[in-house]
């Protein structure tokens, strides 16, 4: 009689999940209720809700508002650029799809930090962008783009656009195009067929792209630091600052807990709208 050893596969999986996923999250929540040492080194386990109440300070609330505004702007731009790109990519021939997929994936072979330094060269006063505009006679003096909000927005869109494109492309590639043809045969215009058939079928991929864009853009502090010159403070920047310079781990943990809750709500909303059990639009 064959013995069933399924538990030998399940136990390591659960152990990994508890140690490296659930464990750190539980520890982070616990630290968020701890009390920071007045000396600035470490913390002690005197439970308090002061760390969460501190977030209500107008200075920190403004940081959340600024992060939300940047995330929203980034998401809107990636949708406007990424959806048409992913849509037309999905309609290419098999060879065309492979070429476009290769071109999208090539930047990932290089560190994102190095690629962002490339934007520093492009956007600086004597950079490629200003040089091109001045050469065409569009401007008479260099534009001050680097270390501004638009520079950070450009960096965010550049870093997250591939995720939107791939999410939309995945949905378009799985579409049943006979439904679109049937709608057209029944007299629907191109616009109506797109809104009633195509958009509905690609909505899971679009919403997956929105989540993969909106959530990370609230915490990608290194983009704000490099292209914004520390003028644009995101929640991620604030967490890093509290851990490294402020030495206030409980407050940093409280900020991370709030950010995690916001992320969970976004995923819950996605599942409610699409009825999906996972981010199937990206797989």
Protein backbone atom coordinates (compact mmCIF):
# COMPACT_ATOMS: atom_id res chain seq x y z
CA UNK A 1 0.00 0.00 0.00
CA UNK A 2 1.39 3.36 -1.02
CA UNK A 3 1.94 5.81 1.80
CA UNK A 4 0.78 9.39 1.39
CA UNK A 5 3.63 11.84 2.03
CA UNK A 6 1.80 15.02 0.97
CA UNK A 7 2.58 16.59 4.35
CA UNK A 8 6.31 16.60 3.51
CA UNK A 9 5.52 19.21 0.83
CA UNK A 10 2.94 21.16 2.81
CA UNK A 11 4.93 21.62 6.04
CA UNK A 12 7.92 23.41 4.40
CA UNK A 13 5.49 25.67 2.54
CA UNK A 14 3.66 26.65 5.72
CA UNK A 15 6.93 27.04 7.61
CA UNK A 16 8.29 29.38 4.93
CA UNK A 17 5.05 31.41 4.96
CA UNK A 18 5.06 31.76 8.75
CA UNK A 19 8.77 32.62 9.04
CA UNK A 20 9.22 35.00 6.13
CA UNK A 21 5.73 36.45 5.46
CA UNK A 22 3.39 36.20 8.43
CA UNK A 23 6.17 36.46 11.02
CA UNK A 24 7.61 39.81 9.85
CA UNK A 25 4.11 41.27 9.43
CA UNK A 26 3.08 40.27 12.95
CA UNK A 27 6.37 41.63 14.33
CA UNK A 28 5.84 44.91 12.45
CA UNK A 29 2.33 45.30 13.92
CA UNK A 30 3.67 44.53 17.40
CA UNK A 31 6.46 47.12 17.09
CA UNK A 32 3.92 49.74 15.94
CA UNK A 33 2.40 49.62 19.45
CA UNK A 34 5.77 49.76 21.24
CA UNK A 35 7.27 52.89 22.80
CA UNK A 36 10.37 54.53 21.40
CA UNK A 37 13.27 55.05 23.81
CA UNK A 38 13.84 58.72 24.68
CA UNK A 39 17.55 58.23 23.97
CA UNK A 40 16.71 57.45 20.36
CA UNK A 41 18.10 53.90 20.39
CA UNK A 42 15.70 50.96 20.12
CA UNK A 43 12.32 50.68 21.86
CA UNK A 44 10.67 49.02 24.83
CA UNK A 45 7.46 47.03 25.08
CA UNK A 46 5.25 49.59 26.78
CA UNK A 47 2.18 49.29 24.58
CA UNK A 48 0.69 52.55 23.32
CA UNK A 49 -1.39 53.88 20.44
CA UNK A 50 0.64 57.09 20.35
CA UNK A 51 2.45 56.07 17.16
CA UNK A 52 -0.82 55.89 15.23
CA UNK A 53 -2.14 59.12 16.76
CA UNK A 54 1.09 60.81 15.69
CA UNK A 55 0.20 60.08 12.06
CA UNK A 56 -2.77 62.46 12.45
CA UNK A 57 -0.32 65.35 12.81
CA UNK A 58 -0.86 67.70 9.80
CA UNK A 59 2.78 67.29 8.74
CA UNK A 60 2.48 63.51 8.40
CA UNK A 61 -1.03 63.66 6.97
CA UNK A 62 0.31 65.99 4.28
CA UNK A 63 2.91 63.34 3.47
CA UNK A 64 0.13 60.77 2.93
CA UNK A 65 -1.85 63.25 0.82
CA UNK A 66 1.21 64.04 -1.31
CA UNK A 67 1.95 60.33 -1.73
CA UNK A 68 -1.67 59.65 -2.72
CA UNK A 69 -1.68 62.51 -5.24
CA UNK A 70 1.55 61.29 -6.83
CA UNK A 71 0.30 57.69 -6.91
CA UNK A 72 -2.97 58.82 -8.52
CA UNK A 73 -1.20 60.96 -11.14
CA UNK A 74 1.21 58.12 -11.90
CA UNK A 75 -1.64 55.63 -12.27
CA UNK A 76 -3.65 57.90 -14.58
CA UNK A 77 -0.65 58.48 -16.86
CA UNK A 78 0.30 54.81 -16.96
CA UNK A 79 -3.29 53.92 -17.88
CA UNK A 80 -3.39 56.54 -20.67
CA UNK A 81 -0.06 55.31 -22.07
CA UNK A 82 -0.04 51.65 -21.09
CA UNK A 83 -3.57 50.60 -22.04
CA UNK A 84 -3.32 51.56 -25.74
CA UNK A 85 0.19 50.11 -25.87
CA UNK A 86 -0.88 46.79 -24.34
CA UNK A 87 -4.03 46.71 -26.47
CA UNK A 88 -2.26 47.11 -29.81
CA UNK A 89 0.56 44.84 -28.65
CA UNK A 90 -2.02 42.10 -28.09
CA UNK A 91 -3.23 42.47 -31.70
CA UNK A 92 0.25 42.01 -33.23
CA UNK A 93 1.40 38.85 -34.94
CA UNK A 94 3.18 36.21 -32.87
CA UNK A 95 6.57 37.47 -34.05
CA UNK A 96 5.59 41.06 -33.32
CA UNK A 97 4.49 40.13 -29.81
CA UNK A 98 7.82 38.44 -29.11
CA UNK A 99 9.76 41.47 -30.32
CA UNK A 100 7.71 43.89 -28.23
CA UNK A 101 7.93 41.64 -25.17
CA UNK A 102 11.70 41.52 -25.58
CA UNK A 103 11.93 45.32 -25.85
CA UNK A 104 9.79 45.75 -22.70
CA UNK A 105 11.85 43.26 -20.71
CA UNK A 106 15.31 44.52 -21.76
CA UNK A 107 15.34 47.45 -19.26
CA UNK A 108 14.80 44.99 -16.41
CA UNK A 109 18.21 43.51 -17.18
CA UNK A 110 19.73 46.69 -15.77
CA UNK A 111 19.39 47.99 -12.20
CA UNK A 112 16.53 50.48 -11.81
CA UNK A 113 18.93 52.73 -9.92
CA UNK A 114 21.26 52.94 -12.92
CA UNK A 115 18.34 53.64 -15.25
CA UNK A 116 17.19 56.48 -13.00
CA UNK A 117 20.66 58.01 -13.13
CA UNK A 118 20.12 58.08 -16.88
CA UNK A 119 17.10 60.31 -16.29
CA UNK A 120 19.30 62.61 -14.22
CA UNK A 121 21.46 63.10 -17.31
CA UNK A 122 18.44 63.61 -19.56
CA UNK A 123 16.54 66.08 -17.34
CA UNK A 124 19.36 68.25 -15.99
CA UNK A 125 19.75 71.86 -17.17
CA UNK A 126 22.46 70.92 -19.67
CA UNK A 127 20.94 67.55 -20.41
CA UNK A 128 19.64 65.90 -23.55
CA UNK A 129 16.04 67.10 -23.20
CA UNK A 130 16.86 70.78 -22.75
CA UNK A 131 19.54 70.58 -25.44
CA UNK A 132 17.02 69.15 -27.90
CA UNK A 133 14.39 71.82 -27.14
CA UNK A 134 16.93 74.63 -27.41
CA UNK A 135 18.27 73.17 -30.66
CA UNK A 136 14.76 73.18 -32.13
CA UNK A 137 14.24 76.76 -30.96
CA UNK A 138 11.31 75.83 -28.70
CA UNK A 139 12.95 77.43 -25.63
CA UNK A 140 15.64 80.08 -25.22
CA UNK A 141 16.92 78.97 -21.80
CA UNK A 142 16.98 75.57 -20.04
CA UNK A 143 13.86 74.44 -18.23
CA UNK A 144 14.16 73.60 -14.54
CA UNK A 145 12.77 70.06 -14.59
CA UNK A 146 15.18 68.10 -12.42
CA UNK A 147 14.42 68.07 -8.67
CA UNK A 148 10.78 69.02 -9.25
CA UNK A 149 7.44 67.23 -9.01
CA UNK A 150 7.25 66.59 -12.81
CA UNK A 151 10.68 64.92 -12.69
CA UNK A 152 9.50 62.52 -9.97
CA UNK A 153 6.30 61.85 -11.93
CA UNK A 154 8.33 61.04 -15.06
CA UNK A 155 10.49 58.64 -13.06
CA UNK A 156 7.46 56.93 -11.53
CA UNK A 157 5.73 56.46 -14.88
CA UNK A 158 8.95 55.18 -16.46
CA UNK A 159 9.52 52.63 -13.67
CA UNK A 160 5.92 51.33 -13.47
CA UNK A 161 4.69 51.57 -17.07
CA UNK A 162 5.87 48.04 -18.05
CA UNK A 163 3.63 46.51 -15.36
CA UNK A 164 0.58 48.24 -16.80
CA UNK A 165 1.49 47.25 -20.36
CA UNK A 166 2.03 43.58 -19.47
CA UNK A 167 -1.17 43.40 -17.39
CA UNK A 168 -3.30 44.84 -20.22
CA UNK A 169 -1.51 42.77 -22.87
CA UNK A 170 -2.22 39.58 -20.91
CA UNK A 171 -5.96 40.31 -20.94
CA UNK A 172 -6.04 41.37 -24.61
CA UNK A 173 -4.09 38.25 -25.61
CA UNK A 174 -6.77 36.05 -23.97
CA UNK A 175 -9.71 37.91 -25.50
CA UNK A 176 -12.38 36.20 -27.53
CA UNK A 177 -12.33 38.40 -30.65
CA UNK A 178 -15.35 36.62 -32.13
CA UNK A 179 -17.52 38.53 -29.65
CA UNK A 180 -16.23 41.82 -31.04
CA UNK A 181 -16.88 40.63 -34.59
CA UNK A 182 -20.41 39.55 -33.61
CA UNK A 183 -21.10 42.97 -32.09
CA UNK A 184 -19.87 44.68 -35.26
CA UNK A 185 -22.01 42.38 -37.45
CA UNK A 186 -25.06 43.30 -35.36
CA UNK A 187 -24.53 46.98 -36.11
CA UNK A 188 -22.47 48.19 -33.16
CA UNK A 189 -19.99 50.96 -33.93
CA UNK A 190 -16.28 50.50 -33.19
CA UNK A 191 -16.61 52.68 -30.11
CA UNK A 192 -19.65 50.84 -28.77
CA UNK A 193 -18.07 47.43 -29.46
CA UNK A 194 -14.95 48.55 -27.62
CA UNK A 195 -16.83 49.89 -24.59
CA UNK A 196 -19.26 46.98 -24.27
CA UNK A 197 -17.05 44.03 -25.28
CA UNK A 198 -13.32 44.83 -25.36
CA UNK A 199 -13.14 47.05 -22.28
CA UNK A 200 -15.23 44.63 -20.23
CA UNK A 201 -13.00 41.67 -21.15
CA UNK A 202 -9.78 43.58 -20.49
CA UNK A 203 -11.00 45.16 -17.23
CA UNK A 204 -9.30 42.56 -14.97
CA UNK A 205 -5.95 43.25 -16.64
CA UNK A 206 -6.50 47.01 -16.44
CA UNK A 207 -7.34 46.86 -12.74
CA UNK A 208 -4.34 44.58 -12.11
CA UNK A 209 -2.16 47.20 -13.77
CA UNK A 210 -3.76 49.91 -11.62
CA UNK A 211 -2.91 48.00 -8.44
CA UNK A 212 0.63 47.20 -9.62
CA UNK A 213 1.10 50.90 -10.35
CA UNK A 214 -0.76 52.68 -7.57
CA UNK A 215 0.48 50.63 -4.62
CA UNK A 216 4.25 50.73 -5.34
CA UNK A 217 4.21 54.41 -6.32
CA UNK A 218 3.33 55.35 -2.72
CA UNK A 219 6.52 53.75 -1.43
CA UNK A 220 9.18 54.14 -4.17
CA UNK A 221 11.11 56.69 -2.12
CA UNK A 222 14.39 56.26 -4.00
CA UNK A 223 12.82 57.76 -7.14
CA UNK A 224 11.62 60.78 -5.17
CA UNK A 225 15.05 61.12 -3.54
CA UNK A 226 16.99 60.96 -6.82
CA UNK A 227 14.75 62.96 -9.15
CA UNK A 228 13.05 65.15 -6.54
CA UNK A 229 16.11 66.09 -4.53
CA UNK A 230 14.36 65.33 -1.20
CA UNK A 231 11.76 68.01 -2.02
CA UNK A 232 9.06 65.39 -2.60
CA UNK A 233 8.54 63.37 0.60
CA UNK A 234 6.59 60.13 0.21
CA UNK A 235 5.43 57.74 2.90
CA UNK A 236 8.29 55.42 1.94
CA UNK A 237 10.76 58.28 2.38
CA UNK A 238 9.29 59.04 5.79
CA UNK A 239 9.58 55.39 6.88
CA UNK A 240 13.21 55.25 5.74
CA UNK A 241 13.96 58.51 7.54
CA UNK A 242 12.43 57.25 10.80
CA UNK A 243 14.40 54.00 10.65
CA UNK A 244 17.79 55.48 9.71
CA UNK A 245 17.96 59.08 10.94
CA UNK A 246 15.13 59.40 13.43
CA UNK A 247 15.76 56.00 15.05
CA UNK A 248 12.02 55.75 15.77
CA UNK A 249 11.17 52.20 14.78
CA UNK A 250 7.70 52.08 16.39
CA UNK A 251 6.54 55.13 14.41
CA UNK A 252 8.07 53.72 11.20
CA UNK A 253 6.22 50.44 11.87
CA UNK A 254 2.94 52.33 12.40
CA UNK A 255 3.40 54.08 9.05
CA UNK A 256 4.13 50.72 7.40
CA UNK A 257 1.00 49.20 8.96
CA UNK A 258 -1.19 51.99 7.55
CA UNK A 259 0.45 51.55 4.14
CA UNK A 260 -0.18 47.78 4.32
CA UNK A 261 -3.84 48.35 5.20
CA UNK A 262 -4.23 50.69 2.22
CA UNK A 263 -2.65 48.06 -0.03
CA UNK A 264 -4.98 45.36 1.32
CA UNK A 265 -8.02 47.57 0.72
CA UNK A 266 -6.92 48.14 -2.89
CA UNK A 267 -6.64 44.39 -3.50
CA UNK A 268 -9.98 43.76 -1.75
CA UNK A 269 -11.61 46.39 -3.97
CA UNK A 270 -10.09 44.74 -7.05
CA UNK A 271 -11.53 41.37 -6.07
CA UNK A 272 -14.94 42.89 -5.40
CA UNK A 273 -15.09 44.60 -8.79
CA UNK A 274 -13.79 41.72 -10.89
CA UNK A 275 -14.84 38.77 -8.76
CA UNK A 276 -11.27 37.45 -9.13
CA UNK A 277 -9.50 35.37 -6.54
CA UNK A 278 -6.08 36.65 -7.49
CA UNK A 279 -4.37 39.11 -9.84
CA UNK A 280 -5.06 36.84 -12.78
CA UNK A 281 -4.69 39.73 -15.21
CA UNK A 282 -0.91 39.59 -14.91
CA UNK A 283 -0.50 35.84 -15.34
